[in-house]
Amino acid sequence: MKPIEVNAHLNSMDGKMGRAILLGPNYLFTRPITNSYVFKVGNQLCTGIMNWFVGEYYVDDKYGIVDERNENYNIYKKYIKE
């Protein structure tokens, strides 16, 4: 999947709209999780969802941080170097 810049509700901004880059699906035990994605916000990786009822992304850049302990880190770590 090609990274896409999107406007999303960011948890760190109390739900206000901000810039995030959608990188791809969120994986659990090597299988993609339905409607769960990995985003780049600033210089960190975090998780988020798409609310299909309102057509907007919600990114948890406060508590949904993807770090070395998460299996998604090895997949998407190349994007935090940019």
Protein backbone atom coordinates (compact mmCIF):
# COMPACT_ATOMS: atom_id res chain seq x y z
CA MET A 1 0.00 0.00 0.00
CA LYS A 2 1.29 3.43 -0.88
CA PRO A 3 1.36 5.91 2.05
CA ILE A 4 -1.47 8.45 1.85
CA GLU A 5 -1.66 11.77 3.69
CA VAL A 6 -5.06 12.15 5.37
CA ASN A 7 -6.83 14.47 7.77
CA ALA A 8 -7.70 12.61 10.94
CA HIS A 9 -9.02 13.18 14.43
CA LEU A 10 -5.93 13.01 16.66
CA ASN A 11 -6.17 11.88 20.27
CA SER A 12 -3.27 14.15 21.29
CA MET A 13 -5.27 17.15 20.05
CA ASP A 14 -8.44 16.10 21.91
CA GLY A 15 -10.08 14.89 18.71
CA LYS A 16 -9.34 17.93 16.58
CA MET A 17 -8.37 17.38 12.97
CA GLY A 18 -4.69 17.04 12.13
CA ARG A 19 -2.33 15.62 9.53
CA ALA A 20 -1.51 11.91 9.54
CA ILE A 21 0.00 9.57 6.99
CA LEU A 22 -1.85 6.29 6.48
CA LEU A 23 0.80 3.59 6.00
CA GLY A 24 -1.19 0.37 5.86
CA PRO A 25 -3.11 -2.25 7.82
CA ASN A 26 -2.46 -3.08 11.46
CA TYR A 27 -1.37 -6.72 11.89
CA LEU A 28 -1.94 -9.13 14.76
CA PHE A 29 -0.18 -12.50 14.55
CA THR A 30 0.72 -11.72 10.91
CA ARG A 31 -2.94 -11.25 9.91
CA PRO A 32 -4.44 -7.84 9.12
CA ILE A 33 -6.99 -6.57 11.63
CA THR A 34 -10.25 -5.44 10.06
CA ASN A 35 -10.56 -1.64 9.98
CA SER A 36 -7.36 -1.02 11.95
CA TYR A 37 -4.46 0.87 10.42
CA VAL A 38 -0.96 2.15 11.19
CA PHE A 39 -0.34 5.87 10.79
CA LYS A 40 2.65 8.15 10.99
CA VAL A 41 2.01 11.28 13.05
CA GLY A 42 5.01 13.53 13.42
CA ASN A 43 7.90 11.10 13.70
CA GLN A 44 6.10 8.25 15.46
CA LEU A 45 4.03 5.27 14.40
CA CYS A 46 0.57 4.83 15.90
CA THR A 47 -2.68 2.99 15.34
CA GLY A 48 -6.06 4.22 14.23
CA ILE A 49 -9.37 3.29 12.67
CA MET A 50 -11.69 4.49 9.93
CA ASN A 51 -15.20 5.39 11.03
CA TRP A 52 -17.18 4.37 7.95
CA PHE A 53 -20.35 6.05 9.21
CA VAL A 54 -18.82 9.53 9.07
CA GLY A 55 -15.99 8.76 6.62
CA GLU A 56 -13.18 9.98 8.89
CA TYR A 57 -10.06 8.52 10.46
CA TYR A 58 -9.45 8.48 14.22
CA VAL A 59 -5.79 8.12 15.22
CA ASP A 60 -4.61 7.29 18.73
CA ASP A 61 -1.25 9.04 18.82
CA LYS A 62 -1.33 9.12 22.61
CA TYR A 63 -1.86 5.51 23.73
CA GLY A 64 -1.72 3.58 20.44
CA ILE A 65 2.01 4.04 19.85
CA VAL A 66 3.69 1.34 17.76
CA ASP A 67 7.17 0.66 19.17
CA GLU A 68 9.79 -2.10 19.00
CA ARG A 69 7.61 -4.47 21.05
CA ASN A 70 4.84 -4.39 18.43
CA GLU A 71 5.03 -6.67 15.38
CA ASN A 72 3.99 -3.77 13.14
CA TYR A 73 7.16 -1.87 14.02
CA ASN A 74 9.38 -4.02 11.78
CA ILE A 75 6.95 -3.60 8.89
CA TYR A 76 6.63 0.19 9.09
CA LYS A 77 9.85 1.37 10.78
CA LYS A 78 11.29 2.51 7.45
CA TYR A 79 8.78 5.38 7.43
CA ILE A 80 9.92 6.97 10.69
CA LYS A 81 13.40 7.58 9.29
CA GLU A 82 12.01 9.98 6.65
